[in-house]
Amino acid sequence: MPQCVEFKTPTYGGDPIDQPVLVASSADLANCPGYVLVTQQEYSSMNTTFFVPLSITDGASIALGIAALWGLAFAYRNIGRFISPSTNED
């Protein structure tokens, strides 16, 4: 899950420390004053191309749906040919 973070300079005994530290902020992502921290998977999903990577089961279900649609169209075409009157007057 994306997290809003920002760099803050911590103090030790009232004196600021030289190096800033990355601290989680309580602000929501829309009003984040610093940076948005994401995981590698979230970053790669934001930068995907047009074709999203599919699992094998997703690809198989899409292929099955396309094959079923082609089969249904083939059946409707043959039913329509069977029902329609023949135009050959031999």
N, C-alpha and C. Protein backbone atom coordinates (compact mmCIF):
# COMPACT_ATOMS: atom_id res chain seq x y z
N MET A 1 0.85 -1.17 0.00
CA MET A 1 0.00 0.00 0.00
C MET A 1 0.90 1.24 0.00
N PRO A 2 0.63 2.20 -0.84
CA PRO A 2 1.46 3.42 -0.86
C PRO A 2 1.41 4.15 0.47
N GLN A 3 2.54 4.70 0.84
CA GLN A 3 2.68 5.40 2.12
C GLN A 3 3.24 6.79 1.86
N CYS A 4 2.70 7.79 2.52
CA CYS A 4 3.21 9.15 2.43
C CYS A 4 4.37 9.30 3.42
N VAL A 5 5.53 9.72 2.91
CA VAL A 5 6.71 9.90 3.76
C VAL A 5 7.34 11.26 3.46
N GLU A 6 8.12 11.75 4.40
CA GLU A 6 8.84 13.01 4.19
C GLU A 6 10.13 12.99 4.99
N PHE A 7 11.08 13.81 4.53
CA PHE A 7 12.35 13.93 5.24
C PHE A 7 12.23 14.99 6.33
N LYS A 8 12.63 14.63 7.53
CA LYS A 8 12.62 15.56 8.65
C LYS A 8 13.99 15.52 9.31
N THR A 9 14.39 16.66 9.83
CA THR A 9 15.66 16.73 10.56
C THR A 9 15.36 16.55 12.04
N PRO A 10 15.77 15.42 12.61
CA PRO A 10 15.47 15.17 14.02
C PRO A 10 16.37 16.02 14.93
N THR A 11 15.90 16.22 16.10
CA THR A 11 16.68 16.96 17.10
C THR A 11 17.08 16.01 18.22
N TYR A 12 18.23 16.24 18.77
CA TYR A 12 18.71 15.44 19.88
C TYR A 12 19.16 16.40 20.97
N GLY A 13 18.44 16.44 22.04
CA GLY A 13 18.76 17.35 23.14
C GLY A 13 18.59 18.81 22.75
N GLY A 14 17.65 19.10 21.85
CA GLY A 14 17.40 20.47 21.43
C GLY A 14 18.23 20.91 20.24
N ASP A 15 19.28 20.15 19.88
CA ASP A 15 20.12 20.49 18.74
C ASP A 15 19.74 19.61 17.55
N PRO A 16 19.62 20.21 16.35
CA PRO A 16 19.29 19.40 15.17
C PRO A 16 20.47 18.52 14.75
N ILE A 17 20.14 17.32 14.29
CA ILE A 17 21.15 16.40 13.77
C ILE A 17 21.36 16.73 12.30
N ASP A 18 22.57 16.55 11.79
CA ASP A 18 22.91 16.96 10.42
C ASP A 18 22.15 16.21 9.33
N GLN A 19 21.91 14.93 9.52
CA GLN A 19 21.30 14.12 8.47
C GLN A 19 19.78 14.06 8.62
N PRO A 20 19.04 14.38 7.54
CA PRO A 20 17.57 14.22 7.62
C PRO A 20 17.20 12.74 7.63
N VAL A 21 16.07 12.44 8.21
CA VAL A 21 15.58 11.07 8.36
C VAL A 21 14.24 10.96 7.65
N LEU A 22 14.02 9.84 6.97
CA LEU A 22 12.76 9.57 6.29
C LEU A 22 11.74 9.11 7.33
N VAL A 23 10.63 9.86 7.45
CA VAL A 23 9.63 9.59 8.48
C VAL A 23 8.27 9.45 7.80
N ALA A 24 7.49 8.47 8.25
CA ALA A 24 6.14 8.29 7.73
C ALA A 24 5.26 9.46 8.16
N SER A 25 4.46 9.96 7.22
CA SER A 25 3.57 11.08 7.50
C SER A 25 2.15 10.56 7.67
N SER A 26 1.37 11.26 8.45
CA SER A 26 -0.03 10.84 8.66
C SER A 26 -0.96 11.43 7.60
N ALA A 27 -0.43 12.24 6.68
CA ALA A 27 -1.27 12.85 5.64
C ALA A 27 -1.72 11.79 4.63
N ASP A 28 -2.89 12.01 4.05
CA ASP A 28 -3.35 11.08 3.01
C ASP A 28 -2.57 11.33 1.72
N LEU A 29 -2.69 10.42 0.78
CA LEU A 29 -1.88 10.50 -0.44
C LEU A 29 -2.22 11.71 -1.31
N ALA A 30 -3.45 12.17 -1.28
CA ALA A 30 -3.84 13.32 -2.11
C ALA A 30 -3.17 14.60 -1.62
N ASN A 31 -2.91 14.71 -0.33
CA ASN A 31 -2.31 15.92 0.24
C ASN A 31 -0.92 15.64 0.82
N CYS A 32 -0.19 14.73 0.22
CA CYS A 32 1.11 14.33 0.74
C CYS A 32 2.13 15.45 0.53
N PRO A 33 2.72 15.98 1.61
CA PRO A 33 3.69 17.07 1.45
C PRO A 33 5.07 16.60 1.02
N GLY A 34 5.34 15.31 1.13
CA GLY A 34 6.67 14.80 0.83
C GLY A 34 6.67 13.88 -0.38
N TYR A 35 6.98 12.63 -0.14
CA TYR A 35 7.09 11.64 -1.19
C TYR A 35 6.11 10.51 -0.94
N VAL A 36 5.80 9.77 -2.00
CA VAL A 36 4.95 8.60 -1.88
C VAL A 36 5.84 7.37 -2.02
N LEU A 37 5.84 6.54 -1.02
CA LEU A 37 6.66 5.34 -0.98
C LEU A 37 5.82 4.16 -1.44
N VAL A 38 6.29 3.45 -2.49
CA VAL A 38 5.56 2.31 -3.03
C VAL A 38 6.50 1.11 -3.09
N THR A 39 5.92 -0.08 -3.16
CA THR A 39 6.72 -1.29 -3.30
C THR A 39 7.10 -1.48 -4.76
N GLN A 40 7.97 -2.43 -5.03
CA GLN A 40 8.41 -2.69 -6.39
C GLN A 40 7.24 -3.18 -7.25
N GLN A 41 6.36 -4.00 -6.70
CA GLN A 41 5.22 -4.49 -7.45
C GLN A 41 4.25 -3.36 -7.79
N GLU A 42 4.03 -2.45 -6.85
CA GLU A 42 3.13 -1.32 -7.11
C GLU A 42 3.72 -0.39 -8.18
N TYR A 43 5.03 -0.17 -8.12
CA TYR A 43 5.68 0.68 -9.11
C TYR A 43 5.61 0.06 -10.50
N SER A 44 5.86 -1.23 -10.59
CA SER A 44 5.81 -1.88 -11.90
C SER A 44 4.39 -1.94 -12.44
N SER A 45 3.40 -2.04 -11.57
CA SER A 45 2.01 -2.05 -12.05
C SER A 45 1.58 -0.67 -12.54
N MET A 46 2.20 0.39 -12.00
CA MET A 46 1.87 1.74 -12.48
C MET A 46 2.52 2.03 -13.82
N ASN A 47 3.61 1.34 -14.14
CA ASN A 47 4.36 1.61 -15.36
C ASN A 47 4.19 0.51 -16.40
N THR A 48 3.08 -0.19 -16.38
CA THR A 48 2.88 -1.25 -17.35
C THR A 48 2.50 -0.67 -18.70
N THR A 49 2.69 -1.47 -19.72
CA THR A 49 2.31 -1.08 -21.06
C THR A 49 0.82 -1.33 -21.26
N PHE A 50 0.39 -1.25 -22.50
CA PHE A 50 -1.02 -1.44 -22.81
C PHE A 50 -1.48 -2.85 -22.46
N PHE A 51 -0.63 -3.83 -22.71
CA PHE A 51 -0.98 -5.22 -22.43
C PHE A 51 -0.56 -5.57 -21.01
N VAL A 52 -1.54 -5.92 -20.20
CA VAL A 52 -1.27 -6.27 -18.82
C VAL A 52 -0.84 -7.73 -18.76
N PRO A 53 0.12 -8.06 -17.92
CA PRO A 53 0.51 -9.46 -17.82
C PRO A 53 -0.63 -10.29 -17.23
N LEU A 54 -0.91 -11.43 -17.85
CA LEU A 54 -2.00 -12.29 -17.40
C LEU A 54 -1.43 -13.58 -16.82
N SER A 55 -2.18 -14.15 -15.92
CA SER A 55 -1.82 -15.48 -15.43
C SER A 55 -2.31 -16.50 -16.44
N ILE A 56 -1.91 -17.74 -16.28
CA ILE A 56 -2.33 -18.80 -17.21
C ILE A 56 -3.83 -19.00 -17.13
N THR A 57 -4.40 -18.93 -15.95
CA THR A 57 -5.85 -19.13 -15.82
C THR A 57 -6.62 -17.97 -16.46
N ASP A 58 -6.10 -16.74 -16.35
CA ASP A 58 -6.76 -15.60 -17.00
C ASP A 58 -6.73 -15.77 -18.52
N GLY A 59 -5.58 -16.14 -19.06
CA GLY A 59 -5.45 -16.35 -20.51
C GLY A 59 -6.34 -17.47 -21.00
N ALA A 60 -6.42 -18.55 -20.22
CA ALA A 60 -7.26 -19.68 -20.60
C ALA A 60 -8.73 -19.31 -20.59
N SER A 61 -9.16 -18.53 -19.61
CA SER A 61 -10.58 -18.14 -19.57
C SER A 61 -10.92 -17.18 -20.71
N ILE A 62 -10.00 -16.31 -21.10
CA ILE A 62 -10.25 -15.42 -22.24
C ILE A 62 -10.31 -16.24 -23.52
N ALA A 63 -9.38 -17.20 -23.70
CA ALA A 63 -9.39 -18.05 -24.89
C ALA A 63 -10.66 -18.89 -24.96
N LEU A 64 -11.11 -19.40 -23.83
CA LEU A 64 -12.34 -20.19 -23.80
C LEU A 64 -13.55 -19.33 -24.17
N GLY A 65 -13.58 -18.10 -23.69
CA GLY A 65 -14.67 -17.19 -24.05
C GLY A 65 -14.69 -16.88 -25.53
N ILE A 66 -13.54 -16.66 -26.13
CA ILE A 66 -13.47 -16.38 -27.57
C ILE A 66 -13.90 -17.61 -28.37
N ALA A 67 -13.43 -18.79 -27.97
CA ALA A 67 -13.82 -20.03 -28.66
C ALA A 67 -15.33 -20.28 -28.55
N ALA A 68 -15.90 -20.00 -27.39
CA ALA A 68 -17.35 -20.18 -27.21
C ALA A 68 -18.13 -19.20 -28.09
N LEU A 69 -17.65 -17.98 -28.21
CA LEU A 69 -18.31 -17.00 -29.06
C LEU A 69 -18.25 -17.41 -30.53
N TRP A 70 -17.09 -17.91 -30.98
CA TRP A 70 -16.97 -18.40 -32.36
C TRP A 70 -17.90 -19.60 -32.59
N GLY A 71 -17.96 -20.50 -31.63
CA GLY A 71 -18.85 -21.66 -31.76
C GLY A 71 -20.31 -21.26 -31.82
N LEU A 72 -20.71 -20.29 -31.03
CA LEU A 72 -22.08 -19.80 -31.05
C LEU A 72 -22.40 -19.14 -32.39
N ALA A 73 -21.48 -18.36 -32.92
CA ALA A 73 -21.69 -17.73 -34.22
C ALA A 73 -21.79 -18.78 -35.31
N PHE A 74 -20.98 -19.84 -35.25
CA PHE A 74 -21.05 -20.92 -36.23
C PHE A 74 -22.40 -21.62 -36.17
N ALA A 75 -22.90 -21.87 -34.96
CA ALA A 75 -24.19 -22.53 -34.80
C ALA A 75 -25.33 -21.65 -35.33
N TYR A 76 -25.31 -20.35 -35.02
CA TYR A 76 -26.35 -19.46 -35.54
C TYR A 76 -26.32 -19.39 -37.07
N ARG A 77 -25.14 -19.40 -37.65
CA ARG A 77 -25.03 -19.34 -39.10
C ARG A 77 -25.63 -20.59 -39.74
N ASN A 78 -25.32 -21.77 -39.18
CA ASN A 78 -25.86 -23.01 -39.74
C ASN A 78 -27.37 -23.11 -39.52
N ILE A 79 -27.87 -22.65 -38.39
CA ILE A 79 -29.32 -22.65 -38.15
C ILE A 79 -30.00 -21.71 -39.14
N GLY A 80 -29.40 -20.55 -39.38
CA GLY A 80 -29.97 -19.61 -40.35
C GLY A 80 -29.97 -20.17 -41.75
N ARG A 81 -28.94 -20.89 -42.14
CA ARG A 81 -28.91 -21.52 -43.47
C ARG A 81 -29.95 -22.63 -43.58
N PHE A 82 -30.17 -23.36 -42.50
CA PHE A 82 -31.14 -24.44 -42.53
C PHE A 82 -32.56 -23.90 -42.62
N ILE A 83 -32.85 -22.82 -41.94
CA ILE A 83 -34.21 -22.27 -41.89
C ILE A 83 -34.54 -21.48 -43.16
N SER A 84 -33.60 -20.75 -43.69
CA SER A 84 -33.89 -19.89 -44.84
C SER A 84 -34.23 -20.73 -46.07
N PRO A 85 -35.15 -20.22 -46.89
CA PRO A 85 -35.52 -20.97 -48.09
C PRO A 85 -34.38 -20.96 -49.11
N SER A 86 -34.30 -22.02 -49.87
CA SER A 86 -33.26 -22.13 -50.88
C SER A 86 -33.60 -21.24 -52.07
N THR A 87 -32.63 -20.58 -52.65
CA THR A 87 -32.87 -19.70 -53.80
C THR A 87 -32.52 -20.38 -55.11
N ASN A 88 -32.03 -21.64 -55.06
CA ASN A 88 -31.71 -22.37 -56.28
C ASN A 88 -32.99 -22.98 -56.84
N GLU A 89 -33.39 -22.58 -58.01
CA GLU A 89 -34.63 -23.05 -58.65
C GLU A 89 -34.27 -23.95 -59.82
N ASP A 90 -33.64 -25.09 -59.57
CA ASP A 90 -33.25 -26.01 -60.65
C ASP A 90 -34.33 -26.94 -61.02
